C-alpha atoms as a PDB file:
ATOM      1  CA  MET A   1       2.805  -2.358   0.044  1.00  0.00           C
ATOM      2  CA  LYS A   2       4.243   0.021  -2.128  1.00  0.00           C
ATOM      3  CA  PRO A   3       5.629  -0.683  -5.397  1.00  0.00           C
ATOM      4  CA  THR A   4       9.450   0.278  -4.744  1.00  0.00           C
ATOM      5  CA  HIS A   5      11.676   0.489  -7.894  1.00  0.00           C
ATOM      6  CA  SER A   6      13.372  -3.119  -8.399  1.00  0.00           C
ATOM      7  CA  HIS A   7      16.381  -2.578 -10.273  1.00  0.00           C
ATOM      8  CA  HIS A   8      17.977  -3.600  -6.786  1.00  0.00           C
ATOM      9  CA  SER A   9      16.506  -7.252  -7.591  1.00  0.00           C
ATOM     10  CA  HIS A  10      17.192  -7.838 -11.137  1.00  0.00           C
ATOM     11  CA  HIS A  11      21.033  -7.814 -10.226  1.00  0.00           C
ATOM     12  CA  GLY A  12      20.224  -7.790  -6.606  1.00  0.00           C
ATOM     13  CA  HIS A  13      19.468 -11.697  -7.108  1.00  0.00           C
ATOM     14  CA  SER A  14      22.528 -12.696  -8.091  1.00  0.00           C
ATOM     15  CA  GLY A  15      23.956  -9.810  -5.725  1.00  0.00           C
ATOM     16  CA  HIS A  16      22.452 -11.999  -3.278  1.00  0.00           C
ATOM     17  CA  GLN A  17      24.024 -15.087  -3.969  1.00  0.00           C
ATOM     18  CA  HIS A  18      27.195 -13.990  -2.171  1.00  0.00           C
ATOM     19  CA  SER A  19      24.998 -15.183   0.843  1.00  0.00           C
ATOM     20  CA  GLY A  20      26.710 -18.196   1.979  1.00  0.00           C
ATOM     21  CA  HIS A  21      29.285 -18.133  -0.842  1.00  0.00           C
ATOM     22  CA  GLN A  22      31.557 -15.135  -0.298  1.00  0.00           C
ATOM     23  CA  ASP A  23      32.949 -13.003   2.526  1.00  0.00           C
ATOM     24  CA  GLU A  24      31.162 -10.251   1.533  1.00  0.00           C
ATOM     25  CA  PRO A  25      28.159  -9.521   4.341  1.00  0.00           C
ATOM     26  CA  SER A  26      24.715 -10.007   3.050  1.00  0.00           C
ATOM     27  CA  GLU A  27      21.756  -7.659   3.193  1.00  0.00           C
ATOM     28  CA  GLY A  28      19.188  -7.609   5.957  1.00  0.00           C
ATOM     29  CA  TYR A  29      19.342  -8.057   9.375  1.00  0.00           C
ATOM     30  CA  TYR A  30      19.619 -10.513  11.994  1.00  0.00           C
ATOM     31  CA  HIS A  31      16.701 -11.636  13.807  1.00  0.00           C
ATOM     32  CA  PRO A  32      17.423 -13.049  17.187  1.00  0.00           C
ATOM     33  CA  GLY A  33      13.490 -14.639  17.681  1.00  0.00           C
ATOM     34  CA  PHE A  34      14.113 -16.796  14.932  1.00  0.00           C
ATOM     35  CA  SER A  35      17.972 -16.748  15.273  1.00  0.00           C
ATOM     36  CA  ALA A  36      17.985 -16.440  11.284  1.00  0.00           C
ATOM     37  CA  HIS A  37      19.362 -13.667   9.265  1.00  0.00           C
ATOM     38  CA  ALA A  38      16.201 -12.093   7.728  1.00  0.00           C
ATOM     39  CA  VAL A  39      16.511 -10.618   4.246  1.00  0.00           C
ATOM     40  CA  LYS A  40      13.120  -8.672   3.078  1.00  0.00           C
ATOM     41  CA  VAL A  41      11.863  -9.473  -0.143  1.00  0.00           C
ATOM     42  CA  LEU A  42       9.883  -6.053  -1.919  1.00  0.00           C
ATOM     43  CA  LEU A  43       7.520  -5.981  -4.593  1.00  0.00           C
ATOM     44  CA  GLY A  44       9.225  -6.468  -7.996  1.00  0.00           C
ATOM     45  CA  GLU A  45      12.071  -8.441  -6.316  1.00  0.00           C
ATOM     46  CA  HIS A  46      13.018 -11.872  -5.920  1.00  0.00           C
ATOM     47  CA  LYS A  47      15.959 -13.060  -3.266  1.00  0.00           C
ATOM     48  CA  ILE A  48      17.898 -16.654  -3.509  1.00  0.00           C
ATOM     49  CA  SER A  49      19.678 -18.263  -0.577  1.00  0.00           C
ATOM     50  CA  GLN A  50      21.543 -21.442   0.565  1.00  0.00           C
ATOM     51  CA  ARG A  51      22.416 -20.122   3.851  1.00  0.00           C
ATOM     52  CA  PRO A  52      20.399 -22.652   6.362  1.00  0.00           C
ATOM     53  CA  ASP A  53      20.409 -19.494   8.869  1.00  0.00           C
ATOM     54  CA  GLU A  54      19.011 -17.507   6.148  1.00  0.00           C
ATOM     55  CA  MET A  55      15.208 -16.777   6.059  1.00  0.00           C
ATOM     56  CA  LEU A  56      13.436 -14.226   3.433  1.00  0.00           C
ATOM     57  CA  VAL A  57      10.376 -12.087   4.804  1.00  0.00           C
ATOM     58  CA  THR A  58       7.333 -10.141   2.859  1.00  0.00           C
ATOM     59  CA  THR A  59       3.929  -8.763   3.350  1.00  0.00           C
ATOM     60  CA  LEU A  60       1.588  -9.655   0.828  1.00  0.00           C
ATOM     61  CA  GLY A  61      -2.130  -8.118   0.154  1.00  0.00           C
ATOM     62  CA  SER A  62      -3.367  -9.103  -3.008  1.00  0.00           C
ATOM     63  CA  CYS A  63       0.141  -9.758  -4.104  1.00  0.00           C
ATOM     64  CA  ILE A  64       1.646 -13.052  -4.304  1.00  0.00           C
ATOM     65  CA  ALA A  65       5.078 -14.965  -3.083  1.00  0.00           C
ATOM     66  CA  ALA A  66       6.255 -17.903  -4.501  1.00  0.00           C
ATOM     67  CA  CYS A  67       8.611 -19.536  -2.887  1.00  0.00           C
ATOM     68  CA  ILE A  68      10.559 -22.235  -4.789  1.00  0.00           C
ATOM     69  CA  ARG A  69      13.352 -24.479  -4.061  1.00  0.00           C
ATOM     70  CA  ASP A  70      15.289 -27.273  -5.299  1.00  0.00           C
ATOM     71  CA  PRO A  71      15.244 -29.576  -2.543  1.00  0.00           C
ATOM     72  CA  VAL A  72      18.509 -32.058  -3.249  1.00  0.00           C
ATOM     73  CA  LEU A  73      20.629 -28.742  -3.189  1.00  0.00           C
ATOM     74  CA  GLN A  74      19.075 -27.218  -0.213  1.00  0.00           C
ATOM     75  CA  LEU A  75      18.513 -23.822  -2.759  1.00  0.00           C
ATOM     76  CA  GLY A  76      15.534 -21.480  -2.660  1.00  0.00           C
ATOM     77  CA  GLY A  77      14.175 -17.954  -3.045  1.00  0.00           C
ATOM     78  CA  MET A  78      11.115 -15.749  -2.666  1.00  0.00           C
ATOM     79  CA  ASN A  79       9.589 -13.269  -5.451  1.00  0.00           C
ATOM     80  CA  HIS A  80       6.922 -11.067  -5.180  1.00  0.00           C
ATOM     81  CA  PHE A  81       4.647 -10.151  -7.890  1.00  0.00           C
ATOM     82  CA  LEU A  82       1.477  -7.572  -8.047  1.00  0.00           C
ATOM     83  CA  LEU A  83      -0.479  -8.358 -11.468  1.00  0.00           C
ATOM     84  CA  PRO A  84      -0.395 -11.580 -13.054  1.00  0.00           C
ATOM     85  CA  GLN A  85       0.838 -10.392 -16.822  1.00  0.00           C
ATOM     86  CA  ALA A  86       1.765  -7.098 -18.067  1.00  0.00           C
ATOM     87  CA  PRO A  87      -1.146  -5.550 -20.177  1.00  0.00           C
ATOM     88  CA  ARG A  88      -1.045  -6.205 -23.604  1.00  0.00           C
ATOM     89  CA  GLY A  89       1.172  -3.549 -25.736  1.00  0.00           C
ATOM     90  CA  HIS A  90       2.401  -2.122 -21.656  1.00  0.00           C
ATOM     91  CA  ASP A  91       5.869  -2.113 -21.961  1.00  0.00           C
ATOM     92  CA  GLU A  92       7.778  -0.712 -18.490  1.00  0.00           C
ATOM     93  CA  GLY A  93      11.277  -2.332 -19.370  1.00  0.00           C
ATOM     94  CA  ALA A  94      12.798  -4.859 -17.410  1.00  0.00           C
ATOM     95  CA  THR A  95      12.859  -4.190 -14.045  1.00  0.00           C
ATOM     96  CA  ALA A  96       9.201  -3.111 -13.820  1.00  0.00           C
ATOM     97  CA  ALA A  97       8.440  -6.260 -15.490  1.00  0.00           C
ATOM     98  CA  ALA A  98       9.452  -8.370 -12.212  1.00  0.00           C
ATOM     99  CA  ARG A  99       6.422  -6.647 -10.998  1.00  0.00           C
ATOM    100  CA  TYR A 100       4.309  -9.092 -13.231  1.00  0.00           C
ATOM    101  CA  GLY A 101       3.871 -12.965 -12.174  1.00  0.00           C
ATOM    102  CA  GLY A 102       5.002 -14.125 -15.607  1.00  0.00           C
ATOM    103  CA  VAL A 103       8.272 -12.674 -15.120  1.00  0.00           C
ATOM    104  CA  ALA A 104       8.659 -13.152 -11.719  1.00  0.00           C
ATOM    105  CA  MET A 105       8.109 -16.704 -11.928  1.00  0.00           C
ATOM    106  CA  GLU A 106      10.326 -17.097 -14.644  1.00  0.00           C
ATOM    107  CA  ARG A 107      13.312 -15.188 -13.292  1.00  0.00           C
ATOM    108  CA  LEU A 108      13.196 -17.208 -10.016  1.00  0.00           C
ATOM    109  CA  ILE A 109      13.105 -20.845 -11.808  1.00  0.00           C
ATOM    110  CA  ASN A 110      16.112 -19.653 -13.984  1.00  0.00           C
ATOM    111  CA  GLU A 111      17.972 -18.359 -11.367  1.00  0.00           C
ATOM    112  CA  ILE A 112      17.678 -21.372  -9.266  1.00  0.00           C
ATOM    113  CA  LEU A 113      18.638 -23.407 -12.480  1.00  0.00           C
ATOM    114  CA  ARG A 114      21.234 -21.315 -13.417  1.00  0.00           C
ATOM    115  CA  ARG A 115      22.758 -22.305  -9.972  1.00  0.00           C
ATOM    116  CA  GLY A 116      22.544 -26.118 -10.560  1.00  0.00           C
ATOM    117  CA  GLY A 117      19.030 -26.805  -9.483  1.00  0.00           C
ATOM    118  CA  ARG A 118      16.888 -29.145 -11.578  1.00  0.00           C
ATOM    119  CA  ARG A 119      13.329 -28.524 -12.803  1.00  0.00           C
ATOM    120  CA  ASP A 120      11.765 -31.703 -11.785  1.00  0.00           C
ATOM    121  CA  ARG A 121      13.314 -31.620  -8.493  1.00  0.00           C
ATOM    122  CA  LEU A 122      11.551 -27.813  -7.454  1.00  0.00           C
ATOM    123  CA  GLU A 123       8.894 -27.708  -5.155  1.00  0.00           C
ATOM    124  CA  VAL A 124       6.935 -24.620  -4.874  1.00  0.00           C
ATOM    125  CA  LYS A 125       4.704 -22.583  -2.066  1.00  0.00           C
ATOM    126  CA  VAL A 126       2.559 -19.869  -2.822  1.00  0.00           C
ATOM    127  CA  PHE A 127       1.137 -17.384  -0.960  1.00  0.00           C
ATOM    128  CA  GLY A 128      -1.337 -14.392  -0.968  1.00  0.00           C
ATOM    129  CA  GLY A 129      -3.860 -13.083  -3.164  1.00  0.00           C
ATOM    130  CA  ALA A 130      -6.110 -11.715  -0.360  1.00  0.00           C
ATOM    131  CA  LYS A 131      -8.665  -9.056  -1.246  1.00  0.00           C
ATOM    132  CA  VAL A 132      -7.793  -6.364   1.301  1.00  0.00           C
ATOM    133  CA  ILE A 133      -9.367  -3.365  -0.778  1.00  0.00           C
ATOM    134  CA  ALA A 134     -13.423  -2.793  -1.381  1.00  0.00           C
ATOM    135  CA  SER A 135     -12.791  -2.604  -5.197  1.00  0.00           C
ATOM    136  CA  SER A 136     -14.697  -4.431  -7.997  1.00  0.00           C
ATOM    137  CA  ASN A 137     -11.177  -6.062  -9.710  1.00  0.00           C
ATOM    138  CA  PRO A 138     -10.516  -9.086  -8.032  1.00  0.00           C
ATOM    139  CA  ILE A 139      -6.706  -8.626  -8.228  1.00  0.00           C
ATOM    140  CA  GLY A 140      -5.942 -10.800  -5.303  1.00  0.00           C
ATOM    141  CA  LYS A 141      -8.171 -13.420  -7.087  1.00  0.00           C
ATOM    142  CA  HIS A 142      -6.655 -13.245 -10.325  1.00  0.00           C
ATOM    143  CA  ASN A 143      -3.225 -13.638  -8.881  1.00  0.00           C
ATOM    144  CA  ALA A 144      -3.908 -16.759  -7.194  1.00  0.00           C
ATOM    145  CA  GLU A 145      -5.964 -18.238 -10.464  1.00  0.00           C
ATOM    146  CA  PHE A 146      -2.573 -17.190 -12.518  1.00  0.00           C
ATOM    147  CA  VAL A 147      -0.216 -18.778 -10.069  1.00  0.00           C
ATOM    148  CA  LEU A 148      -1.776 -22.200  -9.704  1.00  0.00           C
ATOM    149  CA  ASP A 149      -2.168 -21.810 -13.381  1.00  0.00           C
ATOM    150  CA  PHE A 150       1.389 -21.355 -13.865  1.00  0.00           C
ATOM    151  CA  ILE A 151       2.772 -24.022 -11.414  1.00  0.00           C
ATOM    152  CA  LYS A 152       0.293 -26.645 -13.090  1.00  0.00           C
ATOM    153  CA  ALA A 153       1.797 -25.623 -16.599  1.00  0.00           C
ATOM    154  CA  GLU A 154       5.129 -25.853 -16.147  1.00  0.00           C
ATOM    155  CA  GLY A 155       4.604 -28.970 -14.503  1.00  0.00           C
ATOM    156  CA  LEU A 156       5.943 -27.811 -11.226  1.00  0.00           C
ATOM    157  CA  THR A 157       4.862 -29.705  -7.614  1.00  0.00           C
ATOM    158  CA  LEU A 158       2.497 -27.881  -5.712  1.00  0.00           C
ATOM    159  CA  VAL A 159       3.171 -28.452  -1.867  1.00  0.00           C
ATOM    160  CA  GLY A 160       1.934 -26.064   0.246  1.00  0.00           C
ATOM    161  CA  HIS A 161      -0.592 -22.890  -0.465  1.00  0.00           C
ATOM    162  CA  ASP A 162      -2.456 -20.130   1.137  1.00  0.00           C
ATOM    163  CA  LEU A 163      -4.417 -18.078  -0.768  1.00  0.00           C
ATOM    164  CA  GLY A 164      -7.396 -16.146  -0.921  1.00  0.00           C
ATOM    165  CA  GLY A 165      -9.301 -14.450   2.356  1.00  0.00           C
ATOM    166  CA  MET A 166      -9.280 -10.699   3.405  1.00  0.00           C
ATOM    167  CA  LEU A 167      -6.713 -10.192   5.158  1.00  0.00           C
ATOM    168  CA  ALA A 168      -2.790  -9.402   4.386  1.00  0.00           C
ATOM    169  CA  ARG A 169      -0.245 -11.769   5.307  1.00  0.00           C
ATOM    170  CA  ARG A 170       3.148 -11.734   6.751  1.00  0.00           C
ATOM    171  CA  VAL A 171       5.775 -15.049   5.269  1.00  0.00           C
ATOM    172  CA  HIS A 172       8.735 -16.096   6.360  1.00  0.00           C
ATOM    173  CA  TYR A 173      10.627 -18.873   4.285  1.00  0.00           C
ATOM    174  CA  PHE A 174      13.813 -21.043   5.092  1.00  0.00           C
ATOM    175  CA  PRO A 175      15.095 -21.660   1.906  1.00  0.00           C
ATOM    176  CA  SER A 176      17.530 -24.047   2.533  1.00  0.00           C
ATOM    177  CA  THR A 177      14.617 -26.146   4.375  1.00  0.00           C
ATOM    178  CA  GLY A 178      11.973 -25.247   2.370  1.00  0.00           C
ATOM    179  CA  ARG A 179       9.755 -24.416   6.079  1.00  0.00           C
ATOM    180  CA  ALA A 180       7.536 -21.611   5.253  1.00  0.00           C
ATOM    181  CA  MET A 181       5.484 -19.724   8.159  1.00  0.00           C
ATOM    182  CA  ARG A 182       2.859 -16.896   7.453  1.00  0.00           C
ATOM    183  CA  ARG A 183       0.914 -14.918  10.056  1.00  0.00           C
ATOM    184  CA  LEU A 184      -2.447 -13.179   8.940  1.00  0.00           C
ATOM    185  CA  LEU A 185      -2.493  -9.352   9.602  1.00  0.00           C
ATOM    186  CA  ARG A 186      -5.059  -7.009  11.303  1.00  0.00           C
ATOM    187  CA  LYS A 187      -6.516  -4.353   8.599  1.00  0.00           C
ATOM    188  CA  GLU A 188      -5.270  -1.683  10.088  1.00  0.00           C
ATOM    189  CA  ALA A 189      -1.668  -3.035  10.816  1.00  0.00           C
ATOM    190  CA  VAL A 190      -1.511  -3.560   6.645  1.00  0.00           C
ATOM    191  CA  PRO A 191      -0.521   0.268   6.088  1.00  0.00           C
ATOM    192  CA  ASP A 192       2.390   0.712   8.317  1.00  0.00           C
ATOM    193  CA  THR A 193       4.695  -2.637   7.408  1.00  0.00           C
ATOM    194  CA  ILE A 194       7.900  -0.729   8.422  1.00  0.00           C
ATOM    195  CA  GLN A 195       6.854   0.023  12.040  1.00  0.00           C
ATOM    196  CA  SER A 196       5.281  -3.228  12.525  1.00  0.00           C
ATOM    197  CA  GLU A 197       7.398  -5.439  11.444  1.00  0.00           C
ATOM    198  CA  MET A 198       9.311  -5.934  14.262  1.00  0.00           C
ATOM    199  CA  ARG A 199       5.803  -6.216  16.255  1.00  0.00           C
ATOM    200  CA  PHE A 200       4.894  -9.108  14.093  1.00  0.00           C
ATOM    201  CA  MET A 201       8.064 -11.069  14.392  1.00  0.00           C
ATOM    202  CA  SER A 202       8.014 -10.592  18.199  1.00  0.00           C
ATOM    203  CA  ASP A 203       4.650 -12.214  18.223  1.00  0.00           C
ATOM    204  CA  LEU A 204       5.678 -15.110  16.376  1.00  0.00           C
ATOM    205  CA  ARG A 205       8.757 -15.656  18.597  1.00  0.00           C
ATOM    206  CA  ALA A 206       6.389 -15.271  21.324  1.00  0.00           C
ATOM    207  CA  LYS A 207       4.202 -17.810  20.028  1.00  0.00           C
ATOM    208  CA  PRO A 208       5.676 -19.867  16.826  1.00  0.00           C
ATOM    209  CA  VAL A 209       2.730 -22.782  16.337  1.00  0.00           C
ATOM    210  CA  GLU A 210      -0.214 -20.857  17.776  1.00  0.00           C
ATOM    211  CA  GLY A 211      -2.743 -19.042  16.758  1.00  0.00           C
ATOM    212  CA  ASP A 212      -2.996 -17.722  12.795  1.00  0.00           C
ATOM    213  CA  ILE A 213       0.333 -19.494  12.043  1.00  0.00           C
ATOM    214  CA  GLU A 214       0.316 -21.929   9.877  1.00  0.00           C
ATOM    215  CA  LEU A 215       3.595 -23.960   8.948  1.00  0.00           C
ATOM    216  CA  PHE A 216       4.037 -26.178   5.474  1.00  0.00           C
ATOM    217  CA  GLY A 217       6.473 -28.995   5.621  1.00  0.00           C
ATOM    218  CA  ASP A 218       9.751 -28.820   7.888  1.00  0.00           C
END
């Protein structure tokens, strides 16, 4: 889960707005197994979609992804952050700030509201927060505690969560319907997420509701 330059996401979330509303080609790639257009959400990014054929995909270790949607508009998105808050007095600029939970949550929520969503209708599912590295610093645990506290403090509705544990996760989220699927990843597969992407998606296609895949909602 290598940190990526998030300039794309801060501007890319509005750029991604064209998915379903304009004729410009959307980013991402078509995945025949899901009959869906797949868009990756990397660290420090968030993506918004209203397309019924679009799924957002991310891989998480200690990171958190929040999937938030307005069910009336069938509009939603996903973020991906590494730490709850930036260290005190630490300013990395607007793009790097999206790697932190407070900024990542607010940006995703505000983008949904800007596009007509209502705060009192928002439904949230959260994933990640695993302890994938042998370390005395429980980053994943802190992330999980942060996101649950944030949801409660903001009065949002939590409709599904899969947090903690020792294994990384791959999450597939369909913002228009709220359907979310997660698969636990073997430890040896985590460092090589690029090559393993199609393999795990192929596994999901072959066994869509078996084994260690969980479905939240429909």
